[in-house]
C-alpha cells in the first residue's frame, strides 16, 4: 500500500490555499502560525516540490498547488461531510447569496437544478440588492460580483473573462441611422450599467477615439432592463459578451468588433466564511460549473 502524507498536513494545505493566509488558516485550525507552516512544509517535502509562491507577507498557490488543490480538496470535503453526517444526521444548509439579477437569470438559474440534485441539503436565499461587498459577513454569506478586481481583504475567485460588446436593436442595425463606424456613436445614446461604469471608456480607448462622446449616456442598475432598452431602440448598450450570448434575443445584434474588458464575475466572501459548509460547497460547485461552460 502506498504511503500517504499525514491528514493534518493535507488539512493545513487546503485551509491556507482557500483562505490565502497562514494566519487565517492557523486561526481556523486552532494552531499557531509556525505550527501550521511546518505542516504545509511537511506536505511539500513529502511531494518533493513547493506548492506556494511565498512573497513578503503574502502566499499564493503556484500551478502545482492549484492542481493538487483541485484534486485533493473535494476528497477532504467529502471526508468532513461524512463525519459531520455521522455526528449530526441530515443537516439543512442555507447560503445567503448576493448576485446581480442578470447573472442569476442567465447563468445561475439554469444550473441550479444540477446543484439541487447533487446537494439537496443546500438552500439558497438569493439577494439582488446592491452594496454586496459591504454586506458580506452581515446580511450576506457570499456574493457574485462584477468588477475589474477585488480587494485582497476578501477571498475572491475569478469566474470568467469578458469582452465589451456594443448591443443594439436589429431594427436600428438595418436602418439608415445605423452606426457604420465607431465615430458614429456621437449620434447615439450609450446605455451603461452602474456596476460597469467604465465599459464605454474601455471601448472608446480600444478603438482609438479617446475624445469621442456619445449623444448622451443613460445609466441602468438592471441588466435585463438595459437589454430591453436596447431592443426597443432606446440606445446602444455597452455590456459584456456573456450578457449578449446568454440573452439569445433575436431583436438584438452586436455592433462592431468586441474589445477586451477588465470586468469579470467573481465569487467573493470573507476569508473565514469558507469554513462554513454552505459557502464552501457552493464555492466549489459554482467554480466547477462555470469552468465547464463552453468557451465563447
C-alpha atoms as a PDB file:
ATOM      1  CA  UNK A   1       0.000   0.000   0.000  1.00  0.00           C
ATOM      2  CA  UNK A   2       1.369   3.395  -0.978  1.00  0.00           C
ATOM      3  CA  UNK A   3       2.142   5.815   1.813  1.00  0.00           C
ATOM      4  CA  UNK A   4       0.046   8.952   2.199  1.00  0.00           C
ATOM      5  CA  UNK A   5       1.056  12.230   3.790  1.00  0.00           C
ATOM      6  CA  UNK A   6      -0.418  12.999   7.231  1.00  0.00           C
ATOM      7  CA  UNK A   7      -4.039  14.132   7.094  1.00  0.00           C
ATOM      8  CA  UNK A   8      -3.100  17.102   9.291  1.00  0.00           C
ATOM      9  CA  UNK A   9      -0.673  18.305   6.604  1.00  0.00           C
ATOM     10  CA  UNK A  10      -3.322  17.962   3.887  1.00  0.00           C
ATOM     11  CA  UNK A  11      -5.851  19.861   6.023  1.00  0.00           C
ATOM     12  CA  UNK A  12      -3.338  22.638   6.654  1.00  0.00           C
ATOM     13  CA  UNK A  13      -2.544  22.937   2.944  1.00  0.00           C
ATOM     14  CA  UNK A  14      -6.225  23.149   1.931  1.00  0.00           C
ATOM     15  CA  UNK A  15      -7.018  25.794   4.560  1.00  0.00           C
ATOM     16  CA  UNK A  16      -4.076  28.004   3.559  1.00  0.00           C
ATOM     17  CA  UNK A  17      -4.951  27.601  -0.129  1.00  0.00           C
ATOM     18  CA  UNK A  18      -8.586  28.545   0.410  1.00  0.00           C
ATOM     19  CA  UNK A  19      -8.051  31.411   2.826  1.00  0.00           C
ATOM     20  CA  UNK A  20      -4.898  32.766   1.200  1.00  0.00           C
ATOM     21  CA  UNK A  21      -3.370  33.449   4.597  1.00  0.00           C
ATOM     22  CA  UNK A  22      -1.300  31.373   7.005  1.00  0.00           C
ATOM     23  CA  UNK A  23      -2.579  33.457   9.909  1.00  0.00           C
ATOM     24  CA  UNK A  24      -6.260  32.972   8.993  1.00  0.00           C
ATOM     25  CA  UNK A  25      -5.775  29.246   8.367  1.00  0.00           C
ATOM     26  CA  UNK A  26      -3.956  28.834  11.679  1.00  0.00           C
ATOM     27  CA  UNK A  27      -6.847  30.543  13.466  1.00  0.00           C
ATOM     28  CA  UNK A  28      -9.364  28.217  11.823  1.00  0.00           C
ATOM     29  CA  UNK A  29      -7.378  25.129  12.854  1.00  0.00           C
ATOM     30  CA  UNK A  30      -6.544  26.453  16.344  1.00  0.00           C
ATOM     31  CA  UNK A  31      -2.809  26.320  15.643  1.00  0.00           C
ATOM     32  CA  UNK A  32      -0.002  28.806  15.845  1.00  0.00           C
ATOM     33  CA  UNK A  33       1.201  30.184  12.515  1.00  0.00           C
ATOM     34  CA  UNK A  34       4.634  28.474  12.833  1.00  0.00           C
ATOM     35  CA  UNK A  35       2.974  25.131  13.598  1.00  0.00           C
ATOM     36  CA  UNK A  36       0.695  25.421  10.581  1.00  0.00           C
ATOM     37  CA  UNK A  37       3.612  26.427   8.344  1.00  0.00           C
ATOM     38  CA  UNK A  38       5.527  23.333   9.455  1.00  0.00           C
ATOM     39  CA  UNK A  39       2.600  21.121   8.423  1.00  0.00           C
ATOM     40  CA  UNK A  40       2.452  22.713   4.969  1.00  0.00           C
ATOM     41  CA  UNK A  41       6.211  22.373   4.584  1.00  0.00           C
ATOM     42  CA  UNK A  42       5.975  18.707   5.599  1.00  0.00           C
ATOM     43  CA  UNK A  43       3.497  18.127   2.746  1.00  0.00           C
ATOM     44  CA  UNK A  44       5.806  19.924   0.295  1.00  0.00           C
ATOM     45  CA  UNK A  45       8.708  17.729   1.404  1.00  0.00           C
ATOM     46  CA  UNK A  46       6.556  14.620   1.007  1.00  0.00           C
ATOM     47  CA  UNK A  47       5.564  15.632  -2.537  1.00  0.00           C
ATOM     48  CA  UNK A  48       9.018  16.911  -3.374  1.00  0.00           C
ATOM     49  CA  UNK A  49       8.070  20.305  -4.758  1.00  0.00           C
ATOM     50  CA  UNK A  50       6.794  23.679  -3.474  1.00  0.00           C
ATOM     51  CA  UNK A  51       3.048  24.322  -3.608  1.00  0.00           C
ATOM     52  CA  UNK A  52       3.041  28.073  -2.909  1.00  0.00           C
ATOM     53  CA  UNK A  53       4.783  31.189  -4.152  1.00  0.00           C
ATOM     54  CA  UNK A  54       5.893  32.956  -0.991  1.00  0.00           C
ATOM     55  CA  UNK A  55       6.481  36.686  -1.040  1.00  0.00           C
ATOM     56  CA  UNK A  56       6.836  39.281   1.672  1.00  0.00           C
ATOM     57  CA  UNK A  57       3.695  38.998   3.841  1.00  0.00           C
ATOM     58  CA  UNK A  58       1.811  37.063   1.156  1.00  0.00           C
ATOM     59  CA  UNK A  59       1.399  33.489  -0.008  1.00  0.00           C
ATOM     60  CA  UNK A  60      -0.220  32.287  -3.228  1.00  0.00           C
ATOM     61  CA  UNK A  61      -0.759  28.890  -4.819  1.00  0.00           C
ATOM     62  CA  UNK A  62       1.596  28.100  -7.678  1.00  0.00           C
ATOM     63  CA  UNK A  63       0.431  25.917 -10.620  1.00  0.00           C
ATOM     64  CA  UNK A  64       1.450  22.726  -8.786  1.00  0.00           C
ATOM     65  CA  UNK A  65      -0.548  23.844  -5.760  1.00  0.00           C
ATOM     66  CA  UNK A  66      -3.582  24.703  -7.888  1.00  0.00           C
ATOM     67  CA  UNK A  67      -3.513  21.233  -9.436  1.00  0.00           C
ATOM     68  CA  UNK A  68      -3.184  19.497  -6.077  1.00  0.00           C
ATOM     69  CA  UNK A  69      -5.959  21.593  -4.503  1.00  0.00           C
ATOM     70  CA  UNK A  70      -8.369  20.752  -7.339  1.00  0.00           C
ATOM     71  CA  UNK A  71      -7.754  17.032  -6.819  1.00  0.00           C
ATOM     72  CA  UNK A  72      -7.476  16.816  -3.058  1.00  0.00           C
ATOM     73  CA  UNK A  73      -9.958  19.392  -1.679  1.00  0.00           C
ATOM     74  CA  UNK A  74     -13.131  17.572  -2.845  1.00  0.00           C
ATOM     75  CA  UNK A  75     -11.905  14.352  -1.196  1.00  0.00           C
ATOM     76  CA  UNK A  76     -11.148  16.160   2.064  1.00  0.00           C
ATOM     77  CA  UNK A  77     -14.548  17.873   1.967  1.00  0.00           C
ATOM     78  CA  UNK A  78     -16.265  14.527   1.359  1.00  0.00           C
ATOM     79  CA  UNK A  79     -14.499  13.063   4.406  1.00  0.00           C
ATOM     80  CA  UNK A  80     -15.512  16.054   6.519  1.00  0.00           C
ATOM     81  CA  UNK A  81     -19.119  15.869   5.348  1.00  0.00           C
ATOM     82  CA  UNK A  82     -19.262  12.130   6.049  1.00  0.00           C
ATOM     83  CA  UNK A  83     -18.043  12.624   9.611  1.00  0.00           C
ATOM     84  CA  UNK A  84     -20.451  15.531  10.130  1.00  0.00           C
ATOM     85  CA  UNK A  85     -23.326  13.396   8.855  1.00  0.00           C
ATOM     86  CA  UNK A  86     -22.467  10.609  11.278  1.00  0.00           C
ATOM     87  CA  UNK A  87     -22.291  13.050  14.165  1.00  0.00           C
ATOM     88  CA  UNK A  88     -25.324  15.175  13.440  1.00  0.00           C
ATOM     89  CA  UNK A  89     -27.525  13.352  10.944  1.00  0.00           C
ATOM     90  CA  UNK A  90     -29.141  15.167   7.982  1.00  0.00           C
ATOM     91  CA  UNK A  91     -28.484  18.911   8.153  1.00  0.00           C
ATOM     92  CA  UNK A  92     -30.113  21.740   6.226  1.00  0.00           C
ATOM     93  CA  UNK A  93     -27.540  24.142   4.815  1.00  0.00           C
ATOM     94  CA  UNK A  94     -28.526  27.696   3.878  1.00  0.00           C
ATOM     95  CA  UNK A  95     -26.491  30.228   1.915  1.00  0.00           C
ATOM     96  CA  UNK A  96     -27.348  33.923   1.699  1.00  0.00           C
ATOM     97  CA  UNK A  97     -26.039  34.812  -1.758  1.00  0.00           C
ATOM     98  CA  UNK A  98     -25.828  38.289  -3.238  1.00  0.00           C
ATOM     99  CA  UNK A  99     -25.865  38.320  -7.033  1.00  0.00           C
ATOM    100  CA  UNK A 100     -26.700  40.551  -9.964  1.00  0.00           C
ATOM    101  CA  UNK A 101     -30.136  39.784 -11.391  1.00  0.00           C
ATOM    102  CA  UNK A 102     -28.786  39.361 -14.932  1.00  0.00           C
ATOM    103  CA  UNK A 103     -26.144  36.830 -13.863  1.00  0.00           C
ATOM    104  CA  UNK A 104     -28.712  34.986 -11.771  1.00  0.00           C
ATOM    105  CA  UNK A 105     -31.227  34.702 -14.614  1.00  0.00           C
ATOM    106  CA  UNK A 106     -28.771  33.974 -17.430  1.00  0.00           C
ATOM    107  CA  UNK A 107     -26.107  31.788 -15.860  1.00  0.00           C
ATOM    108  CA  UNK A 108     -27.071  30.704 -12.347  1.00  0.00           C
ATOM    109  CA  UNK A 109     -30.737  29.677 -12.507  1.00  0.00           C
ATOM    110  CA  UNK A 110     -30.278  27.321 -15.492  1.00  0.00           C
ATOM    111  CA  UNK A 111     -27.735  25.360 -13.434  1.00  0.00           C
ATOM    112  CA  UNK A 112     -29.457  25.310 -10.032  1.00  0.00           C
ATOM    113  CA  UNK A 113     -31.340  22.114 -10.842  1.00  0.00           C
ATOM    114  CA  UNK A 114     -27.977  20.392 -11.176  1.00  0.00           C
ATOM    115  CA  UNK A 115     -26.896  21.823  -7.820  1.00  0.00           C
ATOM    116  CA  UNK A 116     -30.125  20.734  -6.133  1.00  0.00           C
ATOM    117  CA  UNK A 117     -29.764  17.187  -7.424  1.00  0.00           C
ATOM    118  CA  UNK A 118     -26.172  16.953  -6.245  1.00  0.00           C
ATOM    119  CA  UNK A 119     -26.722  18.694  -2.894  1.00  0.00           C
ATOM    120  CA  UNK A 120     -30.397  18.617  -1.847  1.00  0.00           C
ATOM    121  CA  UNK A 121     -29.391  19.788   1.624  1.00  0.00           C
ATOM    122  CA  UNK A 122     -28.226  23.190   0.302  1.00  0.00           C
ATOM    123  CA  UNK A 123     -30.771  26.015   0.054  1.00  0.00           C
ATOM    124  CA  UNK A 124     -30.093  29.476  -1.358  1.00  0.00           C
ATOM    125  CA  UNK A 125     -31.522  32.815  -0.301  1.00  0.00           C
ATOM    126  CA  UNK A 126     -30.988  34.943  -3.446  1.00  0.00           C
ATOM    127  CA  UNK A 127     -30.471  38.671  -2.859  1.00  0.00           C
ATOM    128  CA  UNK A 128     -30.192  41.002  -5.869  1.00  0.00           C
ATOM    129  CA  UNK A 129     -29.794  44.167  -3.805  1.00  0.00           C
ATOM    130  CA  UNK A 130     -26.831  46.498  -4.044  1.00  0.00           C
ATOM    131  CA  UNK A 131     -23.760  47.034  -1.847  1.00  0.00           C
ATOM    132  CA  UNK A 132     -22.928  43.347  -1.996  1.00  0.00           C
ATOM    133  CA  UNK A 133     -19.304  43.586  -0.823  1.00  0.00           C
ATOM    134  CA  UNK A 134     -20.185  45.881   2.075  1.00  0.00           C
ATOM    135  CA  UNK A 135     -22.816  43.405   3.294  1.00  0.00           C
ATOM    136  CA  UNK A 136     -20.586  40.326   3.333  1.00  0.00           C
ATOM    137  CA  UNK A 137     -20.429  38.823   6.799  1.00  0.00           C
ATOM    138  CA  UNK A 138     -23.571  40.731   7.792  1.00  0.00           C
ATOM    139  CA  UNK A 139     -26.653  40.068   5.649  1.00  0.00           C
ATOM    140  CA  UNK A 140     -24.765  38.026   3.023  1.00  0.00           C
ATOM    141  CA  UNK A 141     -22.556  34.955   3.352  1.00  0.00           C
ATOM    142  CA  UNK A 142     -21.134  35.231  -0.162  1.00  0.00           C
ATOM    143  CA  UNK A 143     -21.644  37.181  -3.364  1.00  0.00           C
ATOM    144  CA  UNK A 144     -21.061  37.023  -7.088  1.00  0.00           C
ATOM    145  CA  UNK A 145     -19.976  40.479  -8.184  1.00  0.00           C
ATOM    146  CA  UNK A 146     -18.891  42.166 -11.390  1.00  0.00           C
ATOM    147  CA  UNK A 147     -15.666  44.140 -11.089  1.00  0.00           C
ATOM    148  CA  UNK A 148     -12.196  44.630 -12.593  1.00  0.00           C
ATOM    149  CA  UNK A 149     -10.539  43.436  -9.360  1.00  0.00           C
ATOM    150  CA  UNK A 150     -11.395  42.596  -5.744  1.00  0.00           C
ATOM    151  CA  UNK A 151      -9.902  43.988  -2.541  1.00  0.00           C
ATOM    152  CA  UNK A 152      -7.327  41.477  -1.217  1.00  0.00           C
ATOM    153  CA  UNK A 153      -9.010  41.535   2.201  1.00  0.00           C
ATOM    154  CA  UNK A 154     -11.682  39.280   0.651  1.00  0.00           C
ATOM    155  CA  UNK A 155     -11.389  35.746  -0.638  1.00  0.00           C
ATOM    156  CA  UNK A 156     -12.101  36.069  -4.362  1.00  0.00           C
ATOM    157  CA  UNK A 157     -12.188  33.621  -7.260  1.00  0.00           C
ATOM    158  CA  UNK A 158     -12.463  34.897 -10.815  1.00  0.00           C
ATOM    159  CA  UNK A 159     -15.259  33.067 -12.626  1.00  0.00           C
ATOM    160  CA  UNK A 160     -14.752  34.276 -16.205  1.00  0.00           C
ATOM    161  CA  UNK A 161     -13.197  36.821 -18.525  1.00  0.00           C
ATOM    162  CA  UNK A 162     -15.154  39.031 -20.863  1.00  0.00           C
ATOM    163  CA  UNK A 163     -15.157  41.438 -23.758  1.00  0.00           C
ATOM    164  CA  UNK A 164     -17.190  44.610 -24.228  1.00  0.00           C
ATOM    165  CA  UNK A 165     -19.997  44.244 -26.763  1.00  0.00           C
ATOM    166  CA  UNK A 166     -21.995  47.067 -28.287  1.00  0.00           C
ATOM    167  CA  UNK A 167     -25.559  45.761 -28.410  1.00  0.00           C
ATOM    168  CA  UNK A 168     -28.275  47.449 -30.422  1.00  0.00           C
ATOM    169  CA  UNK A 169     -31.652  46.638 -31.874  1.00  0.00           C
ATOM    170  CA  UNK A 170     -31.870  44.734 -35.127  1.00  0.00           C
ATOM    171  CA  UNK A 171     -34.183  47.448 -36.412  1.00  0.00           C
ATOM    172  CA  UNK A 172     -31.507  50.081 -35.792  1.00  0.00           C
ATOM    173  CA  UNK A 173     -28.814  47.988 -37.456  1.00  0.00           C
ATOM    174  CA  UNK A 174     -30.966  47.658 -40.570  1.00  0.00           C
ATOM    175  CA  UNK A 175     -31.952  51.330 -40.717  1.00  0.00           C
ATOM    176  CA  UNK A 176     -30.341  54.305 -42.431  1.00  0.00           C
ATOM    177  CA  UNK A 177     -29.374  55.624 -38.977  1.00  0.00           C
ATOM    178  CA  UNK A 178     -27.255  52.565 -38.126  1.00  0.00           C
ATOM    179  CA  UNK A 179     -23.755  53.371 -36.824  1.00  0.00           C
ATOM    180  CA  UNK A 180     -21.317  52.325 -39.550  1.00  0.00           C
ATOM    181  CA  UNK A 181     -18.074  53.370 -37.849  1.00  0.00           C
ATOM    182  CA  UNK A 182     -17.147  53.809 -34.164  1.00  0.00           C
ATOM    183  CA  UNK A 183     -17.203  57.585 -34.627  1.00  0.00           C
ATOM    184  CA  UNK A 184     -20.931  57.341 -35.376  1.00  0.00           C
ATOM    185  CA  UNK A 185     -21.545  56.723 -31.660  1.00  0.00           C
ATOM    186  CA  UNK A 186     -21.525  60.517 -31.393  1.00  0.00           C
ATOM    187  CA  UNK A 187     -25.067  60.345 -32.849  1.00  0.00           C
ATOM    188  CA  UNK A 188     -26.359  57.702 -30.436  1.00  0.00           C
ATOM    189  CA  UNK A 189     -27.156  57.268 -26.755  1.00  0.00           C
ATOM    190  CA  UNK A 190     -24.901  54.919 -24.791  1.00  0.00           C
ATOM    191  CA  UNK A 191     -26.602  52.650 -22.238  1.00  0.00           C
ATOM    192  CA  UNK A 192     -24.242  51.907 -19.336  1.00  0.00           C
ATOM    193  CA  UNK A 193     -24.728  49.696 -16.275  1.00  0.00           C
ATOM    194  CA  UNK A 194     -23.903  51.268 -12.914  1.00  0.00           C
ATOM    195  CA  UNK A 195     -21.871  48.195 -11.952  1.00  0.00           C
ATOM    196  CA  UNK A 196     -19.797  48.575 -15.138  1.00  0.00           C
ATOM    197  CA  UNK A 197     -19.304  52.330 -15.439  1.00  0.00           C
ATOM    198  CA  UNK A 198     -16.085  52.052 -17.477  1.00  0.00           C
ATOM    199  CA  UNK A 199     -17.326  49.867 -20.328  1.00  0.00           C
ATOM    200  CA  UNK A 200     -17.790  52.830 -22.668  1.00  0.00           C
ATOM    201  CA  UNK A 201     -14.346  54.168 -21.717  1.00  0.00           C
ATOM    202  CA  UNK A 202     -12.756  50.751 -22.340  1.00  0.00           C
ATOM    203  CA  UNK A 203     -14.332  50.557 -25.779  1.00  0.00           C
ATOM    204  CA  UNK A 204     -13.522  54.171 -26.669  1.00  0.00           C
ATOM    205  CA  UNK A 205      -9.887  53.680 -25.700  1.00  0.00           C
ATOM    206  CA  UNK A 206      -9.605  50.378 -27.597  1.00  0.00           C
ATOM    207  CA  UNK A 207     -10.917  51.864 -30.861  1.00  0.00           C
ATOM    208  CA  UNK A 208      -8.543  54.812 -30.604  1.00  0.00           C
ATOM    209  CA  UNK A 209     -11.145  57.535 -30.104  1.00  0.00           C
ATOM    210  CA  UNK A 210     -10.324  58.741 -26.603  1.00  0.00           C
ATOM    211  CA  UNK A 211     -12.169  62.050 -27.092  1.00  0.00           C
ATOM    212  CA  UNK A 212     -15.366  60.558 -28.505  1.00  0.00           C
ATOM    213  CA  UNK A 213     -18.546  61.456 -26.625  1.00  0.00           C
ATOM    214  CA  UNK A 214     -21.914  59.807 -27.279  1.00  0.00           C
ATOM    215  CA  UNK A 215     -25.054  61.833 -27.775  1.00  0.00           C
ATOM    216  CA  UNK A 216     -25.912  61.010 -24.144  1.00  0.00           C
ATOM    217  CA  UNK A 217     -25.223  58.360 -21.502  1.00  0.00           C
ATOM    218  CA  UNK A 218     -28.195  56.697 -19.798  1.00  0.00           C
ATOM    219  CA  UNK A 219     -27.434  54.625 -16.688  1.00  0.00           C
ATOM    220  CA  UNK A 220     -29.178  51.447 -15.523  1.00  0.00           C
ATOM    221  CA  UNK A 221     -28.926  49.316 -12.401  1.00  0.00           C
ATOM    222  CA  UNK A 222     -30.726  46.372 -14.054  1.00  0.00           C
ATOM    223  CA  UNK A 223     -29.142  44.279 -16.783  1.00  0.00           C
ATOM    224  CA  UNK A 224     -32.434  42.829 -18.049  1.00  0.00           C
ATOM    225  CA  UNK A 225     -33.956  46.316 -18.366  1.00  0.00           C
ATOM    226  CA  UNK A 226     -30.829  47.527 -20.126  1.00  0.00           C
ATOM    227  CA  UNK A 227     -31.094  44.765 -22.728  1.00  0.00           C
ATOM    228  CA  UNK A 228     -34.788  45.540 -23.164  1.00  0.00           C
ATOM    229  CA  UNK A 229     -33.993  49.232 -23.651  1.00  0.00           C
ATOM    230  CA  UNK A 230     -31.515  48.309 -26.382  1.00  0.00           C
ATOM    231  CA  UNK A 231     -34.078  46.010 -28.012  1.00  0.00           C
ATOM    232  CA  UNK A 232     -36.608  48.869 -28.011  1.00  0.00           C
ATOM    233  CA  UNK A 233     -34.144  51.166 -29.771  1.00  0.00           C
ATOM    234  CA  UNK A 234     -33.584  53.496 -26.802  1.00  0.00           C
ATOM    235  CA  UNK A 235     -29.820  53.388 -27.200  1.00  0.00           C
ATOM    236  CA  UNK A 236     -26.802  51.155 -27.667  1.00  0.00           C
ATOM    237  CA  UNK A 237     -25.888  49.004 -24.664  1.00  0.00           C
ATOM    238  CA  UNK A 238     -22.276  48.650 -23.581  1.00  0.00           C
ATOM    239  CA  UNK A 239     -22.341  45.231 -21.970  1.00  0.00           C
ATOM    240  CA  UNK A 240     -20.306  42.034 -21.844  1.00  0.00           C
ATOM    241  CA  UNK A 241     -20.012  39.132 -24.219  1.00  0.00           C
ATOM    242  CA  UNK A 242     -21.720  36.746 -21.797  1.00  0.00           C
ATOM    243  CA  UNK A 243     -24.715  39.088 -21.483  1.00  0.00           C
ATOM    244  CA  UNK A 244     -25.304  39.118 -25.230  1.00  0.00           C
ATOM    245  CA  UNK A 245     -24.627  35.433 -25.863  1.00  0.00           C
ATOM    246  CA  UNK A 246     -26.816  34.289 -22.971  1.00  0.00           C
ATOM    247  CA  UNK A 247     -29.710  36.611 -23.904  1.00  0.00           C
ATOM    248  CA  UNK A 248     -30.363  34.846 -27.238  1.00  0.00           C
ATOM    249  CA  UNK A 249     -32.756  37.662 -28.131  1.00  0.00           C
ATOM    250  CA  UNK A 250     -33.438  37.845 -31.889  1.00  0.00           C
ATOM    251  CA  UNK A 251     -34.268  41.542 -31.530  1.00  0.00           C
ATOM    252  CA  UNK A 252     -30.645  42.283 -30.576  1.00  0.00           C
ATOM    253  CA  UNK A 253     -27.493  42.385 -32.685  1.00  0.00           C
ATOM    254  CA  UNK A 254     -23.848  43.039 -31.944  1.00  0.00           C
ATOM    255  CA  UNK A 255     -22.404  46.210 -33.449  1.00  0.00           C
ATOM    256  CA  UNK A 256     -18.685  46.411 -34.294  1.00  0.00           C
ATOM    257  CA  UNK A 257     -15.968  44.060 -33.076  1.00  0.00           C
ATOM    258  CA  UNK A 258     -15.755  43.408 -29.308  1.00  0.00           C
ATOM    259  CA  UNK A 259     -12.835  44.718 -27.274  1.00  0.00           C
ATOM    260  CA  UNK A 260     -11.142  43.228 -24.225  1.00  0.00           C
ATOM    261  CA  UNK A 261     -12.596  44.203 -20.862  1.00  0.00           C
ATOM    262  CA  UNK A 262     -11.164  44.295 -17.363  1.00  0.00           C
ATOM    263  CA  UNK A 263     -14.564  43.352 -15.932  1.00  0.00           C
ATOM    264  CA  UNK A 264     -15.093  39.805 -14.680  1.00  0.00           C
ATOM    265  CA  UNK A 265     -17.557  37.994 -12.489  1.00  0.00           C
ATOM    266  CA  UNK A 266     -16.044  36.967  -9.147  1.00  0.00           C
ATOM    267  CA  UNK A 267     -17.139  34.734  -6.301  1.00  0.00           C
ATOM    268  CA  UNK A 268     -16.378  36.725  -3.133  1.00  0.00           C
ATOM    269  CA  UNK A 269     -16.682  36.075   0.588  1.00  0.00           C
ATOM    270  CA  UNK A 270     -14.925  36.897   3.811  1.00  0.00           C
ATOM    271  CA  UNK A 271     -11.944  34.522   4.239  1.00  0.00           C
ATOM    272  CA  UNK A 272     -13.393  32.961   7.394  1.00  0.00           C
ATOM    273  CA  UNK A 273     -16.683  32.231   5.609  1.00  0.00           C
ATOM    274  CA  UNK A 274     -15.055  29.416   3.619  1.00  0.00           C
ATOM    275  CA  UNK A 275     -15.096  27.372   6.810  1.00  0.00           C
ATOM    276  CA  UNK A 276     -18.907  27.350   6.613  1.00  0.00           C
ATOM    277  CA  UNK A 277     -20.092  24.175   4.836  1.00  0.00           C
ATOM    278  CA  UNK A 278     -22.719  26.009   2.756  1.00  0.00           C
ATOM    279  CA  UNK A 279     -20.229  28.610   1.499  1.00  0.00           C
ATOM    280  CA  UNK A 280     -17.538  26.050   0.758  1.00  0.00           C
ATOM    281  CA  UNK A 281     -19.948  23.734  -1.052  1.00  0.00           C
ATOM    282  CA  UNK A 282     -21.401  26.478  -3.249  1.00  0.00           C
ATOM    283  CA  UNK A 283     -17.942  27.950  -3.947  1.00  0.00           C
ATOM    284  CA  UNK A 284     -16.581  24.640  -5.228  1.00  0.00           C
ATOM    285  CA  UNK A 285     -19.734  23.902  -7.229  1.00  0.00           C
ATOM    286  CA  UNK A 286     -20.012  27.274  -8.984  1.00  0.00           C
ATOM    287  CA  UNK A 287     -16.315  27.318  -9.924  1.00  0.00           C
ATOM    288  CA  UNK A 288     -16.632  23.873 -11.481  1.00  0.00           C
ATOM    289  CA  UNK A 289     -19.968  24.657 -13.155  1.00  0.00           C
ATOM    290  CA  UNK A 290     -18.707  27.820 -14.842  1.00  0.00           C
ATOM    291  CA  UNK A 291     -15.398  26.220 -15.815  1.00  0.00           C
ATOM    292  CA  UNK A 292     -17.454  23.637 -17.706  1.00  0.00           C
ATOM    293  CA  UNK A 293     -19.250  26.287 -19.780  1.00  0.00           C
ATOM    294  CA  UNK A 294     -18.247  26.227 -23.450  1.00  0.00           C
ATOM    295  CA  UNK A 295     -15.780  28.912 -24.486  1.00  0.00           C
ATOM    296  CA  UNK A 296     -17.485  31.888 -26.014  1.00  0.00           C
END
